[in-house]
Protein backbone atom coordinates (compact mmCIF):
# COMPACT_ATOMS: atom_id res chain seq x y z
CA UNK A 1 0.00 0.00 0.00
CA UNK A 2 1.21 3.50 -0.86
CA UNK A 3 1.59 5.17 2.55
CA UNK A 4 1.62 8.66 1.02
CA UNK A 5 -1.69 7.92 -0.72
CA UNK A 6 -3.18 6.72 2.57
CA UNK A 7 -1.98 9.87 4.35
CA UNK A 8 -3.84 12.12 1.93
CA UNK A 9 -7.00 10.04 1.64
CA UNK A 10 -6.44 8.83 -1.93
CA UNK A 11 -7.09 5.19 -1.04
CA UNK A 12 -9.35 3.68 1.62
CA UNK A 13 -7.81 2.47 4.85
CA UNK A 14 -8.02 -1.15 5.95
CA UNK A 15 -10.32 -1.67 8.95
CA UNK A 16 -8.55 -1.24 12.29
CA UNK A 17 -7.61 -4.35 14.17
CA UNK A 18 -9.29 -4.95 17.49
CA UNK A 19 -7.06 -4.81 20.49
CA UNK A 20 -5.88 -8.37 21.19
CA UNK A 21 -7.40 -10.13 24.16
CA UNK A 22 -5.03 -9.16 26.98
CA UNK A 23 -3.04 -12.07 28.41
CA UNK A 24 -3.55 -10.65 31.89
CA UNK A 25 -6.16 -10.52 34.60
CA UNK A 26 -8.62 -7.87 33.48
CA UNK A 27 -9.79 -6.88 36.96
CA UNK A 28 -7.73 -5.12 39.63
CA UNK A 29 -8.44 -2.94 42.68
CA UNK A 30 -11.21 -0.62 41.50
CA UNK A 31 -10.21 -0.93 37.84
CA UNK A 32 -11.35 -3.16 34.98
CA UNK A 33 -10.02 -3.59 31.46
CA UNK A 34 -13.00 -3.93 29.12
CA UNK A 35 -12.50 -6.40 26.27
CA UNK A 36 -15.86 -5.81 24.57
CA UNK A 37 -17.29 -2.37 25.45
CA UNK A 38 -20.31 -2.86 23.17
CA UNK A 39 -21.66 -5.67 25.36
CA UNK A 40 -20.25 -4.73 28.77
CA UNK A 41 -22.22 -2.21 30.88
CA UNK A 42 -20.04 0.44 32.55
CA UNK A 43 -18.91 -0.10 36.12
CA UNK A 44 -18.02 3.28 37.56
CA UNK A 45 -16.41 5.77 35.20
CA UNK A 46 -15.71 4.57 31.64
CA UNK A 47 -12.46 5.81 30.07
CA UNK A 48 -11.75 5.46 26.35
CA UNK A 49 -8.01 5.57 25.65
CA UNK A 50 -6.38 6.46 22.32
CA UNK A 51 -2.98 7.68 21.13
CA UNK A 52 -0.78 8.07 18.05
CA UNK A 53 -3.56 8.73 15.57
CA UNK A 54 -1.24 10.88 13.41
CA UNK A 55 -3.97 12.82 11.62
CA UNK A 56 -6.16 9.78 11.00
CA UNK A 57 -8.45 10.25 14.01
CA UNK A 58 -11.56 10.15 11.81
CA UNK A 59 -10.74 6.57 10.87
CA UNK A 60 -11.25 5.44 14.48
CA UNK A 61 -14.43 3.79 15.69
CA UNK A 62 -14.57 5.38 19.14
CA UNK A 63 -16.83 3.64 21.69
CA UNK A 64 -18.91 5.77 24.04
CA UNK A 65 -17.66 6.61 27.51
CA UNK A 66 -17.41 9.30 30.15
CA UNK A 67 -13.82 10.39 29.50
CA UNK A 68 -11.79 10.27 26.30
CA UNK A 69 -8.02 10.37 26.80
CA UNK A 70 -5.57 10.96 23.93
CA UNK A 71 -1.94 10.37 24.91
CA UNK A 72 -0.35 12.43 22.14
CA UNK A 73 0.87 12.32 18.54
CA UNK A 74 -2.48 13.32 17.11
CA UNK A 75 -0.70 15.11 14.23
CA UNK A 76 1.79 14.25 11.51
CA UNK A 77 4.94 16.15 12.49
CA UNK A 78 2.94 18.91 14.18
CA UNK A 79 0.93 19.98 11.14
CA UNK A 80 -1.54 22.67 12.11
CA UNK A 81 -4.22 21.36 9.76
CA UNK A 82 -4.12 18.02 11.57
CA UNK A 83 -4.47 19.74 14.94
CA UNK A 84 -7.37 21.89 13.78
CA UNK A 85 -9.30 18.94 12.36
CA UNK A 86 -8.50 16.94 15.49
CA UNK A 87 -10.04 19.71 17.60
CA UNK A 88 -13.14 19.78 15.39
CA UNK A 89 -13.42 16.00 15.61
CA UNK A 90 -13.22 16.09 19.40
CA UNK A 91 -16.16 18.49 19.52
CA UNK A 92 -18.23 15.98 17.55
CA UNK A 93 -17.65 13.16 20.03
CA UNK A 94 -20.21 12.58 22.81
CA UNK A 95 -17.76 12.09 25.68
CA UNK A 96 -18.34 14.64 28.43
CA UNK A 97 -14.62 15.05 29.11
CA UNK A 98 -11.84 15.00 26.50
CA UNK A 99 -8.30 15.00 27.86
CA UNK A 100 -5.36 15.54 25.49
CA UNK A 101 -1.61 15.26 26.12
CA UNK A 102 1.19 16.10 23.71
CA UNK A 103 3.53 13.69 21.95
CA UNK A 104 6.87 14.23 20.28
CA UNK A 105 5.10 15.22 17.04
CA UNK A 106 3.51 18.20 18.84
CA UNK A 107 6.53 19.09 20.98
CA UNK A 108 7.61 22.19 19.03
CA UNK A 109 4.43 23.06 17.15
CA UNK A 110 3.87 26.85 17.02
CA UNK A 111 0.08 26.47 17.28
CA UNK A 112 0.53 25.32 20.88
CA UNK A 113 0.66 29.01 21.81
CA UNK A 114 -3.09 29.30 21.12
CA UNK A 115 -4.62 26.03 22.21
CA UNK A 116 -8.02 27.60 22.83
CA UNK A 117 -8.34 28.26 19.11
CA UNK A 118 -6.74 25.04 17.92
CA UNK A 119 -8.29 22.53 20.32
CA UNK A 120 -11.44 24.20 21.65
CA UNK A 121 -13.14 20.90 22.46
CA UNK A 122 -10.41 19.55 24.73
CA UNK A 123 -8.77 19.90 28.10
CA UNK A 124 -5.09 19.96 27.17
CA UNK A 125 -2.61 18.93 29.83
CA UNK A 126 1.06 19.89 29.74
CA UNK A 127 2.85 19.68 33.10
CA UNK A 128 -0.54 20.03 34.70
CA UNK A 129 -3.62 18.21 35.84
CA UNK A 130 -7.38 18.35 35.94
CA UNK A 131 -10.22 16.81 37.89
CA UNK A 132 -13.34 15.18 36.51
CA UNK A 133 -16.23 15.75 38.94
CA UNK A 134 -18.41 12.76 39.71
CA UNK A 135 -22.07 12.65 40.61
CA UNK A 136 -21.78 9.68 42.96
CA UNK A 137 -22.35 10.74 46.54
CA UNK A 138 -19.16 10.47 48.55
CA UNK A 139 -16.96 9.94 45.47
CA UNK A 140 -13.77 11.95 45.07
CA UNK A 141 -13.20 13.53 41.63
CA UNK A 142 -11.06 11.65 39.15
CA UNK A 143 -7.59 13.20 39.10
CA UNK A 144 -5.57 13.21 35.86
CA UNK A 145 -2.10 14.57 35.17
CA UNK A 146 0.12 14.75 32.09
CA UNK A 147 3.72 15.99 31.87
CA UNK A 148 5.07 17.43 28.65
CA UNK A 149 6.77 14.94 26.37
CA UNK A 150 10.29 13.97 27.40
CA UNK A 151 12.73 11.53 25.87
CA UNK A 152 13.94 8.71 28.17
CA UNK A 153 16.27 9.77 30.96
CA UNK A 154 18.51 8.10 33.53
CA UNK A 155 16.62 7.10 36.69
CA UNK A 156 18.59 9.59 38.77
CA UNK A 157 17.94 12.49 36.40
CA UNK A 158 16.29 15.59 37.82
CA UNK A 159 13.35 15.96 35.46
CA UNK A 160 11.27 18.95 36.58
CA UNK A 161 8.28 17.84 34.48
CA UNK A 162 8.10 14.47 36.21
CA UNK A 163 8.68 16.04 39.61
CA UNK A 164 5.32 17.79 39.18
CA UNK A 165 3.42 14.48 39.06
CA UNK A 166 1.32 14.52 42.25
CA UNK A 167 1.30 11.55 44.58
CA UNK A 168 -1.94 9.60 44.50
CA UNK A 169 -3.04 10.81 41.05
CA UNK A 170 -5.61 8.47 39.52
CA UNK A 171 -4.60 8.64 35.85
CA UNK A 172 -1.13 9.55 34.60
CA UNK A 173 -0.93 10.30 30.87
CA UNK A 174 2.57 10.11 29.41
CA UNK A 175 3.16 9.89 25.68
CA UNK A 176 6.33 7.86 26.16
CA UNK A 177 6.11 4.56 28.04
CA UNK A 178 7.57 3.65 31.40
CA UNK A 179 10.63 1.41 31.23
CA UNK A 180 9.70 -2.25 31.10
CA UNK A 181 6.01 -1.63 30.50
CA UNK A 182 4.74 -1.91 26.90
CA UNK A 183 7.88 -0.23 25.60
CA UNK A 184 9.16 -2.55 22.88
CA UNK A 185 9.58 -6.21 22.06
CA UNK A 186 12.87 -7.63 23.22
CA UNK A 187 14.26 -4.21 24.13
CA UNK A 188 13.06 -1.74 26.75
CA UNK A 189 12.67 1.68 25.13
CA UNK A 190 10.76 3.28 27.99
CA UNK A 191 11.97 5.87 30.46
CA UNK A 192 13.80 4.72 33.63
CA UNK A 193 13.31 8.15 35.22
CA UNK A 194 9.55 7.97 34.65
CA UNK A 195 9.50 4.54 36.30
CA UNK A 196 10.91 6.08 39.48
CA UNK A 197 8.20 8.74 39.50
CA UNK A 198 5.47 6.16 38.93
CA UNK A 199 6.80 4.33 41.98
CA UNK A 200 6.61 7.57 43.92
CA UNK A 201 3.18 8.75 42.75
CA UNK A 202 1.46 5.32 42.60
CA UNK A 203 -1.19 6.15 39.96
CA UNK A 204 -4.00 3.69 39.37
CA UNK A 205 -3.67 3.93 35.58
CA UNK A 206 -0.79 4.98 33.32
CA UNK A 207 -1.69 5.75 29.68
CA UNK A 208 1.01 6.02 27.03
CA UNK A 209 1.61 5.44 23.32
CA UNK A 210 4.69 6.20 21.18
CA UNK A 211 5.78 2.56 20.67
CA UNK A 212 3.13 1.50 18.16
CA UNK A 213 3.96 -2.19 18.20
CA UNK A 214 3.49 -2.44 21.97
CA UNK A 215 -0.21 -1.58 21.99
CA UNK A 216 -1.93 -3.38 24.85
CA UNK A 217 -2.16 -3.50 28.62
CA UNK A 218 -0.27 -4.98 31.55
CA UNK A 219 -0.17 -4.71 35.32
CA UNK A 220 2.86 -3.20 37.00
CA UNK A 221 5.90 -5.45 36.70
CA UNK A 222 8.46 -3.52 38.74
CA UNK A 223 8.59 -3.28 42.51
CA UNK A 224 6.44 -0.38 43.66
CA UNK A 225 4.12 -0.54 40.63
CA UNK A 226 1.90 -3.38 41.80
CA UNK A 227 -1.77 -2.60 41.33
CA UNK A 228 -1.15 -0.03 38.59
CA UNK A 229 -2.59 -0.78 35.16
CA UNK A 230 -0.37 0.30 32.26
CA UNK A 231 -1.97 0.87 28.85
CA UNK A 232 -0.21 1.56 25.58
CA UNK A 233 -3.11 3.04 23.61
CA UNK A 234 -1.25 3.66 20.32
CA UNK A 235 -3.65 3.32 17.39
CA UNK A 236 -1.12 3.56 14.56
CA UNK A 237 -0.15 0.26 13.00
CA UNK A 238 3.29 -0.99 14.02
CA UNK A 239 4.35 -1.54 10.40
CA UNK A 240 3.16 1.83 9.01
CA UNK A 241 2.99 4.97 11.11
CA UNK A 242 0.23 6.53 9.02
CA UNK A 243 -2.20 3.62 9.01
CA UNK A 244 -4.64 2.94 11.84
CA UNK A 245 -3.99 -0.56 13.14
CA UNK A 246 -5.42 -0.78 16.65
CA UNK A 247 -8.79 -0.05 18.22
CA UNK A 248 -9.18 2.16 21.34
CA UNK A 249 -8.66 0.63 24.78
CA UNK A 250 -11.51 0.90 27.28
CA UNK A 251 -11.13 0.88 31.06
CA UNK A 252 -13.69 1.24 33.85
CA UNK A 253 -12.58 2.94 37.06
CA UNK A 254 -14.50 2.76 40.31
CA UNK A 255 -14.21 6.23 41.89
CA UNK A 256 -12.23 6.69 45.06
CA UNK A 257 -14.14 7.55 48.20
CA UNK A 258 -13.78 11.18 49.23
CA UNK A 259 -12.00 11.79 52.51
CA UNK A 260 -14.57 12.21 55.24
CA UNK A 261 -17.43 10.61 53.32
CA UNK A 262 -19.61 8.63 55.67
CA UNK A 263 -21.00 5.23 54.87
CA UNK A 264 -19.16 4.96 51.59
CA UNK A 265 -17.28 1.83 50.58
CA UNK A 266 -13.82 1.68 49.10
CA UNK A 267 -13.45 0.22 45.60
CA UNK A 268 -13.14 -3.58 45.61
């Protein structure tokens, strides 16, 4: 297939592959990986996770949910026309909350200076966080945080972006993967420094992309990451960057109980 022709819509795309059935337990403390969202009723808050769409976002079949999270690389090399159409597409989606982080393709894009105009339908996170309010009585809001994109660093490196990650955050969105977690086959391409900050912050869910061939999910493998679900939500095909190859990943999160709430139960 002519990749250039696919990029500019001259030939139809092949249908995206479904995410493979995860070879892991799909249920953890207050979190559930949903294999078939069309037939599985939501339990708690439903998150739809995508990444690395590279200008082909309109080729995705996006399941409904409460929160849509894009972990970066929604453009081809930072092209403004991709970003503008991505923002328009987000406004068309029914999800009440749309959270967007930046990947390496957006790292130096000049349109980032006016995100309100470029991505009006999104909450963009760059070295910052947001909270999604919940209607459940006694439930604490869902806390999300995304640092700006960084290339892998030594575990002892002083990375000011990662130092901002708050302890106890629910969802950490990092375009690049954590070392040893969905970061390459046979070679770990993830960030050792980010691993140390995940150990410190103990998020419930880490969402990344970047390594297209490592799409999938796994539970924390390193000491101090037990109970954290890691998702590589890259949608681009591993063989061709500009072809959609993977479906979105869907996760249900049971909200945390707010401090001081009476009679409320902790997530199972």
